[in-house]
Amino acid sequence: MAPDVNLNRPFDPRLFLMDQELDRGVGLLLAGAAELTRAAESARSKAGLSKSEMQILMAIRYRPGLTVSEMRESLGMTVPTFARILGALDHRSLIEKAKGTEDARQRTLTLSDAGVTLTTPLAIVLRERLRLAFRSAGPDAVDGTRRVLDALVR
């Protein structure tokens, strides 16, 4: 007999750590990430950015001050790919590199004023999509979602 794979059934809070509920959560996280990417697609195109450029710029926007290697590792990109895209973004003056505080050989990444201006329409689209989802889910969802995602990325 095949296991119950209906991931759209009502949520039972007593079962939230069972494999089926965890699988449902993973599926929802992946679908949510895809929805945010789709929501930002028009703004990305208008900004003239590739998907990889957008990914890097938005990662820098939301996590400024990481070193080049920390950012590359967090995005899971290869060194050559990340270096090529970062070089193109630097050439367009969309990012700024500063000496690391612990090691002067390291470079930390932030957005330049032009980078902030370019990514702001993308951030607005993402905020609005998330705002609609939170309004639909209710006020308790905001704190719970933030705590779960914070724990996930730690």
C-alpha atoms as a PDB file:
ATOM      1  CA  MET A   1       0.000   0.000   0.000  1.00  0.00           C
ATOM      2  CA  ALA A   2       1.434   3.404  -0.993  1.00  0.00           C
ATOM      3  CA  PRO A   3       1.977   5.932   1.826  1.00  0.00           C
ATOM      4  CA  ASP A   4      -0.369   8.928   2.015  1.00  0.00           C
ATOM      5  CA  VAL A   5       1.272  11.588  -0.149  1.00  0.00           C
ATOM      6  CA  ASN A   6      -1.572  14.123  -0.112  1.00  0.00           C
ATOM      7  CA  LEU A   7       0.375  17.230   0.915  1.00  0.00           C
ATOM      8  CA  ASN A   8      -2.721  19.442   0.711  1.00  0.00           C
ATOM      9  CA  ARG A   9      -4.592  17.945   3.666  1.00  0.00           C
ATOM     10  CA  PRO A  10      -5.407  20.071   6.737  1.00  0.00           C
ATOM     11  CA  PHE A  11      -2.517  20.671   9.131  1.00  0.00           C
ATOM     12  CA  ASP A  12      -2.622  18.862  12.483  1.00  0.00           C
ATOM     13  CA  PRO A  13      -0.295  20.709  14.917  1.00  0.00           C
ATOM     14  CA  ARG A  14       0.261  17.515  16.921  1.00  0.00           C
ATOM     15  CA  LEU A  15       1.951  15.990  13.880  1.00  0.00           C
ATOM     16  CA  PHE A  16       4.209  18.845  12.780  1.00  0.00           C
ATOM     17  CA  LEU A  17       7.454  16.869  13.076  1.00  0.00           C
ATOM     18  CA  MET A  18       6.291  13.747  11.277  1.00  0.00           C
ATOM     19  CA  ASP A  19       8.041  13.001   7.989  1.00  0.00           C
ATOM     20  CA  GLN A  20       4.921  13.718   5.932  1.00  0.00           C
ATOM     21  CA  GLU A  21       4.503  17.160   7.515  1.00  0.00           C
ATOM     22  CA  LEU A  22       8.206  17.922   7.118  1.00  0.00           C
ATOM     23  CA  ASP A  23       7.978  16.871   3.453  1.00  0.00           C
ATOM     24  CA  ARG A  24       4.946  19.130   3.090  1.00  0.00           C
ATOM     25  CA  GLY A  25       6.946  21.997   4.630  1.00  0.00           C
ATOM     26  CA  VAL A  26       9.868  21.453   2.262  1.00  0.00           C
ATOM     27  CA  GLY A  27       7.500  21.371  -0.689  1.00  0.00           C
ATOM     28  CA  LEU A  28       5.850  24.589   0.441  1.00  0.00           C
ATOM     29  CA  LEU A  29       9.216  26.331   0.972  1.00  0.00           C
ATOM     30  CA  LEU A  30      10.348  25.356  -2.521  1.00  0.00           C
ATOM     31  CA  ALA A  31       7.045  26.420  -4.065  1.00  0.00           C
ATOM     32  CA  GLY A  32       7.188  29.697  -2.109  1.00  0.00           C
ATOM     33  CA  ALA A  33      10.690  30.444  -3.357  1.00  0.00           C
ATOM     34  CA  ALA A  34       9.570  29.724  -6.922  1.00  0.00           C
ATOM     35  CA  GLU A  35       6.557  32.033  -6.479  1.00  0.00           C
ATOM     36  CA  LEU A  36       8.754  34.883  -5.224  1.00  0.00           C
ATOM     37  CA  THR A  37      11.086  34.363  -8.184  1.00  0.00           C
ATOM     38  CA  ARG A  38       8.142  34.464 -10.601  1.00  0.00           C
ATOM     39  CA  ALA A  39       6.743  37.575  -8.910  1.00  0.00           C
ATOM     40  CA  ALA A  40      10.064  39.389  -9.387  1.00  0.00           C
ATOM     41  CA  GLU A  41      10.575  38.256 -12.994  1.00  0.00           C
ATOM     42  CA  SER A  42       9.108  41.367 -14.633  1.00  0.00           C
ATOM     43  CA  ALA A  43      11.111  43.738 -12.419  1.00  0.00           C
ATOM     44  CA  ARG A  44      14.258  41.652 -13.057  1.00  0.00           C
ATOM     45  CA  SER A  45      13.774  41.912 -16.810  1.00  0.00           C
ATOM     46  CA  LYS A  46      13.151  45.670 -16.652  1.00  0.00           C
ATOM     47  CA  ALA A  47      16.352  46.048 -14.636  1.00  0.00           C
ATOM     48  CA  GLY A  48      18.289  44.192 -17.344  1.00  0.00           C
ATOM     49  CA  LEU A  49      19.577  41.566 -14.934  1.00  0.00           C
ATOM     50  CA  SER A  50      20.164  37.876 -15.478  1.00  0.00           C
ATOM     51  CA  LYS A  51      18.727  35.498 -12.873  1.00  0.00           C
ATOM     52  CA  SER A  52      22.195  34.950 -11.418  1.00  0.00           C
ATOM     53  CA  GLU A  53      22.902  38.687 -11.248  1.00  0.00           C
ATOM     54  CA  MET A  54      19.587  39.242  -9.490  1.00  0.00           C
ATOM     55  CA  GLN A  55      20.323  36.408  -7.082  1.00  0.00           C
ATOM     56  CA  ILE A  56      23.674  37.911  -6.120  1.00  0.00           C
ATOM     57  CA  LEU A  57      22.437  41.502  -5.878  1.00  0.00           C
ATOM     58  CA  MET A  58      19.451  40.553  -3.740  1.00  0.00           C
ATOM     59  CA  ALA A  59      21.645  38.391  -1.500  1.00  0.00           C
ATOM     60  CA  ILE A  60      23.973  41.362  -0.995  1.00  0.00           C
ATOM     61  CA  ARG A  61      20.984  43.659  -0.383  1.00  0.00           C
ATOM     62  CA  TYR A  62      19.595  41.407   2.338  1.00  0.00           C
ATOM     63  CA  ARG A  63      22.933  40.301   3.826  1.00  0.00           C
ATOM     64  CA  PRO A  64      25.365  43.195   3.336  1.00  0.00           C
ATOM     65  CA  GLY A  65      28.856  42.936   4.713  1.00  0.00           C
ATOM     66  CA  LEU A  66      29.492  39.265   4.010  1.00  0.00           C
ATOM     67  CA  THR A  67      32.862  38.478   2.520  1.00  0.00           C
ATOM     68  CA  VAL A  68      33.107  37.425  -1.103  1.00  0.00           C
ATOM     69  CA  SER A  69      33.732  33.799  -0.097  1.00  0.00           C
ATOM     70  CA  GLU A  70      30.888  33.787   2.460  1.00  0.00           C
ATOM     71  CA  MET A  71      28.484  35.145  -0.133  1.00  0.00           C
ATOM     72  CA  ARG A  72      29.619  32.672  -2.780  1.00  0.00           C
ATOM     73  CA  GLU A  73      29.254  29.770  -0.349  1.00  0.00           C
ATOM     74  CA  SER A  74      25.807  30.918   0.800  1.00  0.00           C
ATOM     75  CA  LEU A  75      24.630  31.001  -2.826  1.00  0.00           C
ATOM     76  CA  GLY A  76      26.254  27.669  -3.690  1.00  0.00           C
ATOM     77  CA  MET A  77      28.017  29.007  -6.772  1.00  0.00           C
ATOM     78  CA  THR A  78      31.324  27.843  -8.149  1.00  0.00           C
ATOM     79  CA  VAL A  79      34.288  30.176  -7.790  1.00  0.00           C
ATOM     80  CA  PRO A  80      34.612  30.901 -11.536  1.00  0.00           C
ATOM     81  CA  THR A  81      30.890  31.576 -12.027  1.00  0.00           C
ATOM     82  CA  PHE A  82      30.607  33.785  -8.962  1.00  0.00           C
ATOM     83  CA  ALA A  83      33.802  35.684  -9.850  1.00  0.00           C
ATOM     84  CA  ARG A  84      32.595  36.301 -13.402  1.00  0.00           C
ATOM     85  CA  ILE A  85      29.185  37.605 -12.341  1.00  0.00           C
ATOM     86  CA  LEU A  86      30.601  39.641  -9.463  1.00  0.00           C
ATOM     87  CA  GLY A  87      33.125  41.177 -11.859  1.00  0.00           C
ATOM     88  CA  ALA A  88      30.312  42.196 -14.227  1.00  0.00           C
ATOM     89  CA  LEU A  89      28.324  43.729 -11.363  1.00  0.00           C
ATOM     90  CA  ASP A  90      31.433  45.567 -10.172  1.00  0.00           C
ATOM     91  CA  HIS A  91      32.085  46.817 -13.716  1.00  0.00           C
ATOM     92  CA  ARG A  92      28.529  48.224 -13.776  1.00  0.00           C
ATOM     93  CA  SER A  93      29.235  49.922 -10.397  1.00  0.00           C
ATOM     94  CA  LEU A  94      26.357  48.077  -8.716  1.00  0.00           C
ATOM     95  CA  ILE A  95      28.419  46.731  -5.814  1.00  0.00           C
ATOM     96  CA  GLU A  96      31.123  47.978  -3.507  1.00  0.00           C
ATOM     97  CA  LYS A  97      33.949  45.962  -2.025  1.00  0.00           C
ATOM     98  CA  ALA A  98      35.646  46.983   1.200  1.00  0.00           C
ATOM     99  CA  LYS A  99      38.526  45.497   3.148  1.00  0.00           C
ATOM    100  CA  GLY A 100      37.448  42.924   5.692  1.00  0.00           C
ATOM    101  CA  THR A 101      37.552  43.912   9.348  1.00  0.00           C
ATOM    102  CA  GLU A 102      39.279  40.716  10.488  1.00  0.00           C
ATOM    103  CA  ASP A 103      41.477  40.138   7.461  1.00  0.00           C
ATOM    104  CA  ALA A 104      42.465  42.970   5.107  1.00  0.00           C
ATOM    105  CA  ARG A 105      42.857  40.441   2.269  1.00  0.00           C
ATOM    106  CA  GLN A 106      39.153  39.663   2.403  1.00  0.00           C
ATOM    107  CA  ARG A 107      36.583  41.871   0.700  1.00  0.00           C
ATOM    108  CA  THR A 108      33.116  42.501   2.079  1.00  0.00           C
ATOM    109  CA  LEU A 109      30.234  43.206  -0.267  1.00  0.00           C
ATOM    110  CA  THR A 110      27.588  45.927  -0.179  1.00  0.00           C
ATOM    111  CA  LEU A 111      25.406  47.499  -2.819  1.00  0.00           C
ATOM    112  CA  SER A 112      26.430  50.833  -4.263  1.00  0.00           C
ATOM    113  CA  ASP A 113      23.831  53.601  -4.491  1.00  0.00           C
ATOM    114  CA  ALA A 114      23.210  52.460  -8.079  1.00  0.00           C
ATOM    115  CA  GLY A 115      22.794  48.873  -6.855  1.00  0.00           C
ATOM    116  CA  VAL A 116      20.264  49.954  -4.227  1.00  0.00           C
ATOM    117  CA  THR A 117      18.361  51.961  -6.848  1.00  0.00           C
ATOM    118  CA  LEU A 118      18.348  49.031  -9.284  1.00  0.00           C
ATOM    119  CA  THR A 119      17.224  46.448  -6.708  1.00  0.00           C
ATOM    120  CA  THR A 120      14.559  48.578  -5.009  1.00  0.00           C
ATOM    121  CA  PRO A 121      11.782  47.728  -7.523  1.00  0.00           C
ATOM    122  CA  LEU A 122      12.607  44.040  -7.043  1.00  0.00           C
ATOM    123  CA  ALA A 123      12.480  44.417  -3.260  1.00  0.00           C
ATOM    124  CA  ILE A 124       9.120  46.198  -3.497  1.00  0.00           C
ATOM    125  CA  VAL A 125       7.629  43.373  -5.588  1.00  0.00           C
ATOM    126  CA  LEU A 126       8.935  40.762  -3.145  1.00  0.00           C
ATOM    127  CA  ARG A 127       7.673  42.715  -0.114  1.00  0.00           C
ATOM    128  CA  GLU A 128       4.214  43.074  -1.621  1.00  0.00           C
ATOM    129  CA  ARG A 129       3.974  39.370  -2.500  1.00  0.00           C
ATOM    130  CA  LEU A 130       5.053  38.400   1.024  1.00  0.00           C
ATOM    131  CA  ARG A 131       2.712  41.003   2.560  1.00  0.00           C
ATOM    132  CA  LEU A 132      -0.253  39.472   0.701  1.00  0.00           C
ATOM    133  CA  ALA A 133       0.717  35.981   1.845  1.00  0.00           C
ATOM    134  CA  PHE A 134       1.059  37.065   5.488  1.00  0.00           C
ATOM    135  CA  ARG A 135      -2.259  38.924   5.406  1.00  0.00           C
ATOM    136  CA  SER A 136      -3.899  35.789   4.069  1.00  0.00           C
ATOM    137  CA  ALA A 137      -2.234  33.562   6.692  1.00  0.00           C
ATOM    138  CA  GLY A 138      -2.899  35.862   9.660  1.00  0.00           C
ATOM    139  CA  PRO A 139      -0.803  37.703  12.251  1.00  0.00           C
ATOM    140  CA  ASP A 140       0.510  34.629  14.073  1.00  0.00           C
ATOM    141  CA  ALA A 141       2.090  33.425  10.840  1.00  0.00           C
ATOM    142  CA  VAL A 142       4.550  36.328  10.661  1.00  0.00           C
ATOM    143  CA  ASP A 143       6.391  35.529  13.890  1.00  0.00           C
ATOM    144  CA  GLY A 144       6.267  31.769  13.388  1.00  0.00           C
ATOM    145  CA  THR A 145       7.518  31.961   9.823  1.00  0.00           C
ATOM    146  CA  ARG A 146      10.354  34.290  10.763  1.00  0.00           C
ATOM    147  CA  ARG A 147      11.458  32.020  13.604  1.00  0.00           C
ATOM    148  CA  VAL A 148      11.386  28.907  11.429  1.00  0.00           C
ATOM    149  CA  LEU A 149      13.306  30.549   8.583  1.00  0.00           C
ATOM    150  CA  ASP A 150      15.855  32.101  10.984  1.00  0.00           C
ATOM    151  CA  ALA A 151      16.481  28.660  12.481  1.00  0.00           C
ATOM    152  CA  LEU A 152      16.749  27.135   8.996  1.00  0.00           C
ATOM    153  CA  VAL A 153      19.439  29.520   7.761  1.00  0.00           C
ATOM    154  CA  ARG A 154      21.534  29.566  10.928  1.00  0.00           C
END
